[in-house]
Amino acid sequence: MTPPPADPLFPRPANLGDQTYGHLRELILSRQIPGGAEVPEGRLAERLNVSRTPMREALVRLVGEGLLERTSERSYRVRVVSAREFFECMQMRELLECHAIETAVPLVGDADLAELRRGLESLDGSEDDMQHWLYDNHFHSFFARVSGNATLAETITRMRVVARLFRISSAFHRKGEIDTEHRAVLEAVERRDVAAAKAAMLAHLRNLQDDARRAIAAEANPGGYFL
């Protein structure tokens, strides 16, 4: 599954600088470069076969977005998001994404809903984490864009980046549960039931937080139980 063409997490590159930025951003968001990993400018430029100038421009942009931290004049590190920042971000997402879907329900077209359903059905039986994450990202950013509020959509995108950087948050061992929760949201939107769509979205976001809490507890107490 390839990223949707209008997906804000994977913008279409226009020149070498944008291509370098987009490629590096995708490496981080797909966790091919994990949180806390050092990102030396020179070696990365060689790996991507680009000169230092577009690489430096890309790194500076990613620092501005909060994906990277500068550790020295020529080296960077993928930012590590704390549990506190993750949960604060998720609280904001509850407010923003419920508002986005409330606004989007009367506006979204039947053809777009059919496309979302086809994408969801294509995940049946798939164990590909990246495929699930790409759909998850498209699903959430779609309603933000349809709302017509560009600032809202941009803010939700930033919040999703923070959540993605938090290494426990995606927890795609619960692929089936996530698909079921997306289906509940989609079915409510198809019925044009605003209240049910908001409730389903809120339940989905809170389930993600509960899953993260269980993962944190399991790390703190290996072999123990989370009650």
Protein backbone atom coordinates (compact mmCIF):
# COMPACT_ATOMS: atom_id res chain seq x y z
CA MET A 1 0.00 0.00 0.00
CA THR A 2 1.44 3.37 -0.98
CA PRO A 3 0.78 6.64 0.87
CA PRO A 4 -2.32 8.48 -0.40
CA PRO A 5 -1.26 11.32 -2.73
CA ALA A 6 -2.70 14.07 -0.54
CA ASP A 7 -1.43 12.64 2.73
CA PRO A 8 0.18 15.44 4.80
CA LEU A 9 2.64 13.05 6.47
CA PHE A 10 4.06 12.16 3.06
CA PRO A 11 4.00 15.38 1.00
CA ARG A 12 4.80 15.11 -2.70
CA PRO A 13 8.41 16.33 -3.25
CA ALA A 14 9.03 19.19 -5.68
CA ASN A 15 12.84 19.39 -5.84
CA LEU A 16 15.96 17.70 -4.48
CA GLY A 17 15.70 19.47 -1.14
CA ASP A 18 12.06 18.44 -0.76
CA GLN A 19 12.86 14.89 -1.89
CA THR A 20 15.61 14.60 0.72
CA TYR A 21 13.33 16.01 3.39
CA GLY A 22 10.47 13.68 2.41
CA HIS A 23 12.70 10.62 2.28
CA LEU A 24 14.31 11.30 5.65
CA ARG A 25 10.96 12.11 7.22
CA GLU A 26 9.53 8.83 5.99
CA LEU A 27 12.54 6.92 7.37
CA ILE A 28 11.83 8.42 10.79
CA LEU A 29 8.06 7.98 10.75
CA SER A 30 8.36 4.41 9.47
CA ARG A 31 10.86 3.80 12.30
CA GLN A 32 13.64 2.72 10.00
CA ILE A 33 15.54 5.34 12.01
CA PRO A 34 14.27 4.73 15.57
CA GLY A 35 13.71 7.21 18.37
CA GLY A 36 16.96 8.29 20.04
CA ALA A 37 19.10 7.23 17.06
CA GLU A 38 21.94 9.53 16.02
CA VAL A 39 21.60 11.08 12.56
CA PRO A 40 25.06 12.24 11.38
CA GLU A 41 24.75 14.65 8.48
CA GLY A 42 27.66 13.34 6.40
CA ARG A 43 26.93 9.63 6.59
CA LEU A 44 23.23 10.18 5.94
CA ALA A 45 24.02 12.29 2.86
CA GLU A 46 26.16 9.43 1.55
CA ARG A 47 23.43 6.88 2.30
CA LEU A 48 20.81 8.89 0.40
CA ASN A 49 23.30 9.87 -2.32
CA VAL A 50 22.75 13.62 -2.00
CA SER A 51 25.05 16.56 -1.35
CA ARG A 52 25.41 18.23 2.03
CA THR A 53 23.28 21.27 1.10
CA PRO A 54 19.89 19.56 0.57
CA MET A 55 20.65 17.23 3.49
CA ARG A 56 21.36 20.17 5.80
CA GLU A 57 18.18 21.92 4.66
CA ALA A 58 16.15 18.76 5.31
CA LEU A 59 17.63 18.30 8.78
CA VAL A 60 16.91 21.90 9.75
CA ARG A 61 13.29 21.51 8.62
CA LEU A 62 12.92 18.32 10.65
CA VAL A 63 14.33 20.05 13.73
CA GLY A 64 11.71 22.76 13.24
CA GLU A 65 8.97 20.12 13.10
CA GLY A 66 10.17 18.49 16.30
CA LEU A 67 11.22 15.22 14.68
CA LEU A 68 14.94 15.79 15.28
CA GLU A 69 17.13 17.39 17.94
CA ARG A 70 20.51 18.92 17.19
CA THR A 71 23.29 17.29 19.22
CA SER A 72 26.32 18.97 17.64
CA GLU A 73 27.20 21.15 14.67
CA ARG A 74 26.99 18.22 12.23
CA SER A 75 24.90 15.66 14.06
CA TYR A 76 21.27 15.21 15.02
CA ARG A 77 19.15 12.72 16.92
CA VAL A 78 15.59 11.49 16.45
CA ARG A 79 13.59 13.06 19.23
CA VAL A 80 12.32 10.80 22.00
CA VAL A 81 8.80 11.59 23.18
CA SER A 82 8.08 11.03 26.85
CA ALA A 83 4.99 9.28 28.17
CA ARG A 84 3.76 12.57 29.62
CA GLU A 85 4.04 14.35 26.27
CA PHE A 86 2.32 11.46 24.53
CA PHE A 87 -0.69 11.48 26.86
CA GLU A 88 -0.95 15.28 26.73
CA CYS A 89 -0.93 15.00 22.94
CA MET A 90 -3.65 12.34 23.03
CA GLN A 91 -5.84 14.54 25.21
CA MET A 92 -5.55 17.25 22.56
CA ARG A 93 -6.33 14.75 19.83
CA GLU A 94 -9.54 13.77 21.61
CA LEU A 95 -10.76 17.36 21.42
CA LEU A 96 -9.51 18.11 17.92
CA GLU A 97 -10.41 14.87 16.14
CA CYS A 98 -13.88 14.68 17.65
CA HIS A 99 -14.49 18.24 16.47
CA ALA A 100 -13.06 17.40 13.04
CA ILE A 101 -15.31 14.40 12.53
CA GLU A 102 -18.36 16.30 13.79
CA THR A 103 -17.69 18.93 11.14
CA ALA A 104 -16.79 16.41 8.43
CA VAL A 105 -19.81 14.08 8.67
CA PRO A 106 -22.22 16.33 6.73
CA LEU A 107 -19.52 17.21 4.17
CA VAL A 108 -17.89 13.92 3.24
CA GLY A 109 -18.94 12.38 -0.07
CA ASP A 110 -20.17 8.84 -0.62
CA ALA A 111 -17.33 8.11 -3.06
CA ASP A 112 -14.73 9.06 -0.44
CA LEU A 113 -16.43 6.87 2.15
CA ALA A 114 -16.43 3.97 -0.30
CA GLU A 115 -12.69 4.48 -0.82
CA LEU A 116 -12.09 4.46 2.94
CA ARG A 117 -14.06 1.22 3.25
CA ARG A 118 -12.12 -0.43 0.42
CA GLY A 119 -8.87 0.55 2.11
CA LEU A 120 -10.07 -0.87 5.41
CA GLU A 121 -11.21 -4.12 3.81
CA SER A 122 -7.83 -4.48 2.08
CA LEU A 123 -6.24 -4.84 5.53
CA ASP A 124 -8.16 -8.03 6.35
CA GLY A 125 -5.62 -10.71 7.23
CA SER A 126 -2.65 -8.39 6.68
CA GLU A 127 0.21 -8.57 9.18
CA ASP A 128 2.12 -5.70 7.52
CA ASP A 129 2.60 -3.07 10.24
CA MET A 130 3.46 -0.34 7.74
CA GLN A 131 0.34 -1.02 5.67
CA HIS A 132 -1.82 -0.72 8.78
CA TRP A 133 -0.09 2.46 9.89
CA LEU A 134 -0.42 4.11 6.47
CA TYR A 135 -4.15 3.42 6.46
CA ASP A 136 -4.45 4.61 10.06
CA ASN A 137 -2.75 7.86 9.13
CA HIS A 138 -4.87 8.34 6.02
CA PHE A 139 -8.06 7.60 7.97
CA HIS A 140 -7.41 10.21 10.66
CA SER A 141 -5.99 12.92 8.42
CA PHE A 142 -8.87 12.45 5.94
CA PHE A 143 -11.56 13.69 8.34
CA ALA A 144 -9.35 16.57 9.44
CA ARG A 145 -8.96 17.72 5.83
CA VAL A 146 -12.64 17.25 4.97
CA SER A 147 -13.57 19.51 7.90
CA GLY A 148 -12.31 22.41 5.78
CA ASN A 149 -10.29 23.90 8.64
CA ALA A 150 -6.67 23.97 7.46
CA THR A 151 -5.32 25.00 10.86
CA LEU A 152 -7.19 22.15 12.54
CA ALA A 153 -5.85 19.66 9.99
CA GLU A 154 -2.29 20.92 10.39
CA THR A 155 -2.49 20.74 14.19
CA ILE A 156 -3.85 17.18 14.10
CA THR A 157 -1.00 16.21 11.78
CA ARG A 158 1.54 17.61 14.27
CA MET A 159 -0.14 15.76 17.13
CA ARG A 160 -0.03 12.51 15.15
CA VAL A 161 3.69 12.98 14.55
CA VAL A 162 4.25 13.29 18.31
CA ALA A 163 2.22 10.14 18.90
CA ARG A 164 4.19 8.32 16.21
CA LEU A 165 7.48 9.29 17.83
CA PHE A 166 6.35 7.76 21.10
CA ARG A 167 7.59 4.24 20.52
CA ILE A 168 4.85 2.46 22.47
CA SER A 169 1.95 4.43 21.03
CA SER A 170 1.37 2.67 17.71
CA ALA A 171 1.18 -0.78 19.34
CA PHE A 172 0.19 -2.50 16.11
CA HIS A 173 0.02 -5.85 17.83
CA ARG A 174 -3.65 -4.79 18.21
CA LYS A 175 -4.19 -4.47 14.45
CA GLY A 176 -7.54 -6.27 14.62
CA GLU A 177 -8.84 -4.00 17.38
CA ILE A 178 -7.76 -0.87 15.51
CA ASP A 179 -9.48 -2.08 12.33
CA THR A 180 -12.66 -2.80 14.32
CA GLU A 181 -12.57 0.67 15.87
CA HIS A 182 -12.02 2.32 12.49
CA ARG A 183 -14.95 0.32 11.13
CA ALA A 184 -17.20 1.59 13.94
CA VAL A 185 -16.27 5.19 13.12
CA LEU A 186 -16.78 4.63 9.41
CA GLU A 187 -20.17 2.96 9.83
CA ALA A 188 -21.40 5.86 11.96
CA VAL A 189 -20.23 8.36 9.32
CA GLU A 190 -21.91 6.32 6.57
CA ARG A 191 -25.18 6.60 8.55
CA ARG A 192 -24.49 10.36 8.95
CA ASP A 193 -24.82 9.84 12.70
CA VAL A 194 -22.68 12.63 14.14
CA ALA A 195 -23.07 11.63 17.80
CA ALA A 196 -22.16 8.00 17.11
CA ALA A 197 -19.18 9.01 14.96
CA LYS A 198 -17.82 11.26 17.72
CA ALA A 199 -18.36 8.56 20.34
CA ALA A 200 -16.61 5.94 18.20
CA MET A 201 -13.65 8.24 17.52
CA LEU A 202 -13.33 9.10 21.21
CA ALA A 203 -13.46 5.42 22.19
CA HIS A 204 -10.77 4.63 19.61
CA LEU A 205 -8.39 7.32 20.88
CA ARG A 206 -8.92 6.29 24.50
CA ASN A 207 -8.34 2.64 23.67
CA LEU A 208 -4.97 3.62 22.17
CA GLN A 209 -4.07 5.34 25.43
CA ASP A 210 -5.16 2.34 27.49
CA ASP A 211 -3.01 0.13 25.29
CA ALA A 212 -0.01 2.41 25.82
CA ARG A 213 -0.56 2.31 29.60
CA ARG A 214 -0.57 -1.48 29.53
CA ALA A 215 2.65 -1.51 27.50
CA ILE A 216 4.31 0.93 29.92
CA ALA A 217 3.21 -1.16 32.90
CA ALA A 218 4.51 -4.33 31.25
CA GLU A 219 7.91 -2.71 30.69
CA ALA A 220 8.04 -1.52 34.29
CA ASN A 221 6.99 -4.91 35.65
CA PRO A 222 8.08 -7.71 33.28
CA GLY A 223 6.09 -10.85 33.92
CA GLY A 224 3.64 -8.99 36.15
CA TYR A 225 0.03 -8.06 35.65
CA PHE A 226 -1.68 -4.79 34.81
CA LEU A 227 -5.01 -4.37 36.60
